[in-house]
Protein backbone atom coordinates (compact mmCIF):
# COMPACT_ATOMS: atom_id res chain seq x y z
CA UNK A 1 61.09 7.51 10.50
CA UNK A 2 64.77 7.71 11.39
CA UNK A 3 66.23 10.26 9.52
CA UNK A 4 70.19 10.83 9.51
CA UNK A 5 71.50 14.38 8.38
CA UNK A 6 74.95 14.91 6.86
CA UNK A 7 77.40 17.17 8.38
CA UNK A 8 77.22 19.27 5.84
CA UNK A 9 73.42 20.10 6.33
CA UNK A 10 72.92 23.38 8.53
CA UNK A 11 71.59 22.91 12.25
CA UNK A 12 68.17 24.68 11.65
CA UNK A 13 67.32 22.29 9.44
CA UNK A 14 65.95 20.05 12.57
CA UNK A 15 63.60 22.22 13.80
CA UNK A 16 61.56 22.02 10.05
CA UNK A 17 61.34 18.43 10.45
CA UNK A 18 58.86 17.46 12.90
CA UNK A 19 57.36 14.42 13.60
CA UNK A 20 60.67 12.12 12.73
CA UNK A 21 63.54 10.84 14.73
CA UNK A 22 66.08 13.23 13.53
CA UNK A 23 69.98 13.27 13.94
CA UNK A 24 73.01 14.38 12.76
CA UNK A 25 75.99 12.41 11.96
CA UNK A 26 78.32 14.52 13.87
CA UNK A 27 76.09 13.54 17.33
CA UNK A 28 77.19 9.88 16.38
CA UNK A 29 80.56 10.52 16.31
CA UNK A 30 80.97 9.60 12.06
CA UNK A 31 81.96 13.32 11.20
CA UNK A 32 84.81 12.10 9.69
CA UNK A 33 83.34 9.25 7.94
CA UNK A 34 83.60 9.11 4.25
CA UNK A 35 80.36 8.38 2.41
CA UNK A 36 80.78 4.73 1.90
CA UNK A 37 81.52 4.00 5.68
CA UNK A 38 79.30 6.55 6.62
CA UNK A 39 75.92 4.75 4.69
CA UNK A 40 77.30 1.66 6.44
CA UNK A 41 77.03 2.73 9.64
CA UNK A 42 73.77 4.94 9.47
CA UNK A 43 72.08 1.24 7.94
CA UNK A 44 73.79 -0.93 10.74
CA UNK A 45 72.64 2.04 13.22
CA UNK A 46 68.74 1.49 11.82
CA UNK A 47 68.51 4.78 9.68
CA UNK A 48 65.63 4.93 6.61
CA UNK A 49 67.52 7.97 5.36
CA UNK A 50 70.34 10.11 4.77
CA UNK A 51 69.62 13.78 3.79
CA UNK A 52 72.77 15.43 2.55
CA UNK A 53 73.77 18.10 -0.01
CA UNK A 54 76.52 15.80 -1.86
CA UNK A 55 75.46 15.90 -5.27
CA UNK A 56 78.04 13.27 -6.03
CA UNK A 57 77.08 11.04 -3.61
CA UNK A 58 75.63 9.11 -6.34
CA UNK A 59 78.14 9.21 -8.68
CA UNK A 60 80.86 8.18 -5.91
CA UNK A 61 78.97 5.07 -3.93
CA UNK A 62 77.59 1.95 -5.70
CA UNK A 63 73.86 2.63 -4.23
CA UNK A 64 72.48 -0.98 -5.49
CA UNK A 65 71.05 -2.85 -2.85
CA UNK A 66 71.39 -0.57 0.01
CA UNK A 67 68.31 -0.37 2.33
CA UNK A 68 69.08 3.41 3.17
CA UNK A 69 67.24 5.71 1.81
CA UNK A 70 69.23 8.86 0.19
CA UNK A 71 67.45 12.90 -0.10
CA UNK A 72 70.09 14.85 -2.02
CA UNK A 73 69.35 18.58 -1.58
CA UNK A 74 70.38 20.69 -4.38
CA UNK A 75 72.04 22.90 -1.59
CA UNK A 76 73.17 23.41 1.69
CA UNK A 77 72.63 27.28 1.88
CA UNK A 78 69.94 27.69 4.97
CA UNK A 79 67.83 31.06 3.75
CA UNK A 80 67.27 28.72 0.34
CA UNK A 81 66.52 25.47 2.31
CA UNK A 82 63.80 27.96 5.15
CA UNK A 83 62.40 29.63 1.74
CA UNK A 84 61.67 26.05 0.49
CA UNK A 85 60.18 24.53 3.48
CA UNK A 86 57.41 23.06 2.01
CA UNK A 87 59.23 21.50 -1.09
CA UNK A 88 61.82 20.13 1.57
CA UNK A 89 59.43 18.37 3.93
CA UNK A 90 57.29 16.65 0.87
CA UNK A 91 60.09 15.17 -0.51
CA UNK A 92 61.38 13.85 3.43
CA UNK A 93 57.86 12.32 3.84
CA UNK A 94 57.98 10.65 0.23
CA UNK A 95 61.52 9.17 1.04
CA UNK A 96 61.67 5.79 2.46
CA UNK A 97 64.69 3.04 2.63
CA UNK A 98 66.15 2.25 -0.51
CA UNK A 99 64.85 5.47 -2.10
CA UNK A 100 67.00 7.97 -3.73
CA UNK A 101 65.54 11.40 -4.31
CA UNK A 102 66.96 14.32 -5.44
CA UNK A 103 65.52 17.66 -4.40
CA UNK A 104 65.91 20.98 -6.45
CA UNK A 105 65.72 24.08 -4.66
CA UNK A 106 65.50 27.10 -6.20
CA UNK A 107 67.84 30.31 -5.00
CA UNK A 108 65.90 33.60 -4.51
CA UNK A 109 66.92 35.77 -7.71
CA UNK A 110 69.51 38.66 -6.01
CA UNK A 111 68.90 42.27 -6.98
CA UNK A 112 71.49 43.57 -7.81
CA UNK A 113 72.22 47.45 -7.09
CA UNK A 114 72.94 50.05 -10.16
CA UNK A 115 76.03 51.62 -9.43
CA UNK A 116 76.20 55.50 -9.09
CA UNK A 117 76.28 57.14 -12.19
CA UNK A 118 79.07 60.02 -12.61
CA UNK A 119 77.78 63.62 -12.22
CA UNK A 120 80.65 65.56 -12.93
């Protein structure tokens, strides 16, 4: 499967997705394209799926009739993507032309340090 990674995704993501032909939009000179133009260019170039973290894409573009599939991650935060690698990889394997898939990635709970108490 040919996968196009949007410019808003972290570069290390490519190392997670093995067994697929992956490219970043920037590598094709598409970093400045608007969403509609990016989808059209990716379809014309023969990409099967666009991976992005742009959750508004669905509401900004008419996706009916599109041949390219969309896989939308809920975040572009690399540690969160890395920690949810099995879920991301399963979504990639289930993605395909003309499909729209959103993947909700859970961020780890942040532990807050308690402030020191005043011992005066």
